[in-house]
Protein backbone atom coordinates (compact mmCIF):
# COMPACT_ATOMS: atom_id res chain seq x y z
CA MET A 1 3.72 60.64 -49.78
CA MET A 2 5.29 63.70 -48.11
CA ALA A 3 3.61 62.78 -44.83
CA LYS A 4 5.05 59.26 -45.06
CA ARG A 5 8.57 60.61 -45.61
CA LEU A 6 8.22 62.89 -42.58
CA THR A 7 6.94 60.01 -40.47
CA ASN A 8 9.85 57.78 -41.45
CA ARG A 9 12.45 60.49 -40.86
CA GLN A 10 14.57 59.83 -37.78
CA LYS A 11 13.74 62.10 -34.88
CA PRO A 12 16.58 64.44 -33.90
CA ARG A 13 18.43 63.29 -30.79
CA THR A 14 18.01 65.24 -27.62
CA LYS A 15 21.02 66.90 -25.98
CA ALA A 16 20.85 64.33 -23.21
CA GLU A 17 21.06 61.52 -25.78
CA GLN A 18 23.98 63.20 -27.51
CA ARG A 19 25.82 63.59 -24.20
CA ALA A 20 25.18 59.96 -23.30
CA GLU A 21 26.49 58.82 -26.69
CA THR A 22 29.63 60.94 -26.35
CA LEU A 23 30.22 59.59 -22.86
CA GLU A 24 29.99 56.00 -24.12
CA ARG A 25 32.47 56.76 -26.89
CA ILE A 26 34.86 58.25 -24.34
CA LEU A 27 34.54 55.24 -22.04
CA ASP A 28 35.02 52.81 -24.94
CA ALA A 29 38.15 54.62 -26.11
CA ALA A 30 39.60 54.88 -22.60
CA GLU A 31 38.86 51.21 -21.93
CA TYR A 32 40.73 50.20 -25.07
CA LEU A 33 43.72 52.46 -24.35
CA PHE A 34 43.95 51.44 -20.68
CA SER A 35 43.83 47.78 -21.78
CA LYS A 36 46.89 48.34 -23.97
CA HIS A 37 48.95 50.80 -21.94
CA GLY A 38 47.68 50.74 -18.35
CA LEU A 39 46.59 53.71 -16.27
CA ASN A 40 49.93 55.49 -16.30
CA GLY A 41 50.49 55.01 -20.02
CA VAL A 42 47.38 56.96 -21.10
CA THR A 43 46.54 60.67 -20.90
CA LEU A 44 43.22 62.46 -21.29
CA ARG A 45 44.63 63.89 -24.51
CA ASP A 46 45.24 60.36 -25.83
CA VAL A 47 41.60 59.50 -25.18
CA ALA A 48 40.38 62.73 -26.76
CA LEU A 49 42.42 62.03 -29.90
CA LYS A 50 41.00 58.52 -30.20
CA VAL A 51 37.43 59.78 -29.78
CA GLY A 52 38.03 62.76 -32.07
CA VAL A 53 37.08 65.48 -29.61
CA HIS A 54 38.90 68.41 -28.02
CA THR A 55 40.67 67.73 -24.72
CA SER A 56 38.57 70.42 -23.06
CA LEU A 57 35.50 68.24 -23.62
CA MET A 58 37.16 65.48 -21.60
CA HIS A 59 37.30 67.82 -18.62
CA TYR A 60 33.58 68.51 -19.03
CA TYR A 61 32.90 64.84 -18.30
CA PHE A 62 35.79 63.99 -15.97
CA VAL A 63 37.75 66.09 -13.49
CA ASP A 64 40.91 64.06 -14.08
CA LYS A 65 42.22 60.76 -15.43
CA ARG A 66 41.62 58.98 -12.13
CA ARG A 67 37.88 59.72 -12.35
CA LEU A 68 37.84 58.46 -15.94
CA PHE A 69 39.62 55.28 -14.87
CA GLU A 70 37.08 54.68 -12.10
CA ALA A 71 34.18 55.25 -14.51
CA VAL A 72 35.62 52.76 -17.01
CA PHE A 73 36.04 50.13 -14.31
CA THR A 74 32.64 50.70 -12.72
CA ARG A 75 30.72 50.56 -16.00
CA ARG A 76 31.15 46.80 -16.40
CA ALA A 77 32.26 45.67 -12.93
CA GLY A 78 28.70 45.65 -11.58
CA THR A 79 27.57 43.32 -14.35
CA THR A 80 30.34 40.77 -13.90
CA SER A 81 30.04 40.84 -10.11
CA SER A 82 26.25 40.43 -10.01
CA ARG A 83 26.30 37.64 -12.62
CA ARG A 84 28.83 35.65 -10.63
CA LEU A 85 27.00 36.22 -7.35
CA ASP A 86 23.79 34.96 -8.96
CA ALA A 87 25.61 31.93 -10.39
CA LEU A 88 27.17 31.08 -7.01
CA ASP A 89 23.82 31.52 -5.23
CA HIS A 90 22.18 29.21 -7.78
CA TYR A 91 24.95 26.64 -7.45
CA GLU A 92 24.75 26.70 -3.66
CA ARG A 93 21.00 26.07 -3.78
CA GLU A 94 21.40 23.26 -6.30
CA CYS A 95 24.21 21.41 -4.54
CA GLY A 96 22.82 21.76 -1.02
CA GLU A 97 25.33 20.53 1.55
CA ALA A 98 27.53 18.76 -1.02
CA PRO A 99 29.34 21.40 -3.10
CA THR A 100 32.43 20.46 -5.09
CA VAL A 101 35.49 22.57 -5.70
CA GLU A 102 35.10 22.37 -9.46
CA GLY A 103 31.40 23.19 -9.29
CA ALA A 104 32.08 26.35 -7.30
CA LEU A 105 34.93 27.39 -9.58
CA ARG A 106 32.81 26.84 -12.69
CA ALA A 107 30.09 29.09 -11.30
CA PHE A 108 32.72 31.73 -10.56
CA LEU A 109 34.98 31.47 -13.62
CA ASP A 110 32.77 30.16 -16.43
CA THR A 111 30.09 32.78 -15.79
CA ASP A 112 32.68 35.50 -16.34
CA LEU A 113 34.28 33.80 -19.32
CA ASP A 114 30.87 33.66 -21.02
CA LEU A 115 30.87 37.47 -21.08
CA TYR A 116 34.21 37.52 -22.88
CA ILE A 117 33.15 34.76 -25.27
CA ASN A 118 29.77 36.25 -26.20
CA GLY A 119 29.94 39.92 -25.20
CA GLY A 120 31.85 41.31 -28.16
CA GLU A 121 34.87 43.58 -28.42
CA GLY A 122 33.85 45.81 -25.52
CA TRP A 123 33.89 42.98 -23.02
CA ARG A 124 37.17 41.64 -24.39
CA ASN A 125 38.69 45.10 -23.96
CA PHE A 126 37.42 45.16 -20.37
CA ALA A 127 39.03 41.76 -19.75
CA ALA A 128 42.41 43.03 -20.94
CA PHE A 129 41.90 46.30 -19.03
CA ALA A 130 41.22 44.42 -15.77
CA ALA A 131 44.29 42.26 -16.32
CA GLN A 132 46.43 45.31 -17.13
CA VAL A 133 45.51 47.21 -13.96
CA SER A 134 45.04 44.28 -11.55
CA ASN A 135 48.54 44.63 -10.11
CA SER A 136 48.34 48.40 -9.70
CA GLN A 137 47.35 50.12 -6.48
CA GLU A 138 44.44 51.84 -8.23
CA GLY A 139 43.21 48.61 -9.80
CA ALA A 140 43.46 46.70 -6.52
CA ALA A 141 41.36 49.37 -4.80
CA MET A 142 38.63 49.06 -7.45
CA MET A 143 38.68 45.27 -7.21
CA ASP A 144 38.34 45.47 -3.43
CA LEU A 145 35.35 47.76 -3.86
CA HIS A 146 33.51 45.82 -6.56
CA PHE A 147 34.58 42.19 -6.23
CA ASP A 148 35.14 41.40 -2.54
CA PRO A 149 31.53 40.21 -1.96
CA VAL A 150 31.63 37.70 -4.83
CA VAL A 151 35.12 36.47 -3.88
CA LEU A 152 34.07 35.92 -0.26
CA LYS A 153 30.96 34.08 -1.48
CA LEU A 154 33.21 31.73 -3.47
CA ILE A 155 35.51 31.26 -0.46
CA GLY A 156 32.53 30.30 1.68
CA ILE A 157 31.46 27.58 -0.74
CA LEU A 158 35.04 26.30 -1.09
CA LYS A 159 35.24 25.95 2.69
CA LYS A 160 32.15 23.72 2.57
CA ALA A 161 33.65 21.69 -0.27
CA LEU A 162 36.98 21.31 1.58
CA PRO A 163 36.04 21.10 5.28
CA GLY A 164 39.46 19.86 6.35
CA CYS A 165 41.35 22.62 4.58
CA SER A 166 42.89 25.53 6.46
CA ASP A 167 41.72 29.06 5.75
CA ALA A 168 45.26 29.93 4.68
CA ASP A 169 45.36 27.19 2.04
CA ILE A 170 41.96 28.17 0.67
CA PHE A 171 42.91 31.84 0.41
CA TRP A 172 46.26 30.97 -1.18
CA GLY A 173 44.40 28.72 -3.60
CA TYR A 174 42.11 31.60 -4.52
CA ASP A 175 45.13 33.86 -5.02
CA PHE A 176 46.60 31.36 -7.48
CA VAL A 177 43.24 31.11 -9.30
CA THR A 178 42.86 34.84 -9.72
CA GLY A 179 46.50 35.23 -10.78
CA ALA A 180 46.06 32.65 -13.53
CA PHE A 181 42.73 34.18 -14.54
CA MET A 182 44.19 37.68 -14.87
CA HIS A 183 47.00 36.28 -17.00
CA VAL A 184 44.46 34.59 -19.28
CA LEU A 185 42.41 37.79 -19.58
CA GLY A 186 45.52 39.72 -20.62
CA ARG A 187 45.77 37.72 -23.89
CA THR A 188 49.45 38.51 -24.42
CA GLY A 189 49.88 36.01 -27.25
CA ARG A 190 52.77 34.28 -25.49
CA ILE A 191 51.04 30.90 -25.45
CA ASP A 192 50.42 31.24 -29.19
CA ARG A 193 54.16 31.54 -29.78
CA LEU A 194 55.22 28.89 -27.28
CA SER A 195 52.74 26.34 -28.64
CA SER A 196 53.46 27.20 -32.29
CA GLY A 197 49.80 28.05 -32.73
CA ALA A 198 48.32 24.97 -31.04
CA CYS A 199 46.84 27.29 -28.40
CA LYS A 200 45.42 30.78 -28.93
CA SER A 201 45.30 33.34 -26.14
CA GLU A 202 42.12 34.73 -27.71
CA ASP A 203 40.39 31.35 -27.32
CA PHE A 204 38.34 31.93 -24.18
CA ALA A 205 36.22 28.87 -25.00
CA ALA A 206 39.31 26.66 -24.69
CA VAL A 207 40.14 28.35 -21.38
CA LYS A 208 36.61 27.76 -20.11
CA GLU A 209 36.86 24.08 -20.94
CA ARG A 210 40.05 23.63 -18.90
CA LEU A 211 40.60 26.29 -16.22
CA ALA A 212 38.13 25.27 -13.50
CA SER A 213 39.13 21.59 -13.70
CA PHE A 214 42.82 22.45 -13.53
CA MET A 215 42.38 24.80 -10.57
CA ALA A 216 40.10 22.37 -8.73
CA ALA A 217 42.84 19.75 -8.89
CA GLY A 218 45.24 22.32 -7.46
CA PHE A 219 42.96 23.03 -4.50
CA ILE A 220 42.55 19.32 -3.79
CA ALA A 221 46.30 18.73 -4.02
CA LEU A 222 46.94 21.70 -1.73
CA CYS A 223 44.30 20.84 0.84
CA GLY A 224 44.19 17.05 0.66
CA THR A 225 40.99 15.07 0.18
CA CYS A 226 37.80 16.40 1.76
CA GLY A 227 37.53 15.64 5.44
CA LYS A 228 41.27 15.27 6.11
CA SER A 229 42.67 17.46 8.83
CA PRO A 230 45.05 20.26 7.81
CA LYS A 231 47.82 18.35 9.65
CA ALA A 232 47.22 15.22 7.60
CA ALA A 233 47.12 17.21 4.39
CA SER A 234 50.37 18.90 5.37
CA GLY A 235 52.01 15.53 5.97
CA ARG A 236 50.84 14.28 2.57
CA ARG A 237 52.33 17.35 0.86
CA LYS A 238 55.68 16.91 2.59
CA GLY A 239 55.83 13.26 1.56
CA GLY A 240 55.17 14.19 -2.05
CA ARG A 241 58.05 16.65 -2.38
């Protein structure tokens, strides 16, 4: 009986395991605080208080707040970037030489939204964190570093889907997509109030159902139908104003 109790007793954690657990708690706390207050609204002391550790321990793991910020961003950025690259590669193979704007956008947007729908509180905090810092110099630098390859992959497929569209219109279209997406990820609650509860900013499933279709229509309106020259598309836009 005694032997059985000893066998079932949990093994003590190693120091490496304890350090890894503390680091995850620090990153989780910083991610949450950055998502609410941005980079400049959070101090290392704020993070230490949320974790329940002394500020000196923060400096053991991170030289300064900038290094902590970079670690928080990097922890999940690789996952979202690689998932979207895989989804775009798969879509490109499946569609061959006939991609559609909506198909490309669904591979890019829906794959990411699935993380926020199914990934739990941590991923939702990362979504709000990315939205919070996306317009900061530090956030833009991290997005350049981690997300440029997947964005350029999307742009390449959109160019195939819209062969008559100018590079400028496609890049502006992407800029409008990412601006709307960051706003959605921020989950400010404004749409809840404006719609008197008909829409919920937390409802990523509702966003997934609508966003790619809406943005695809915007690209097509901006660029004209596939195969039209940029000049013809420009003339159509002027006539519609």
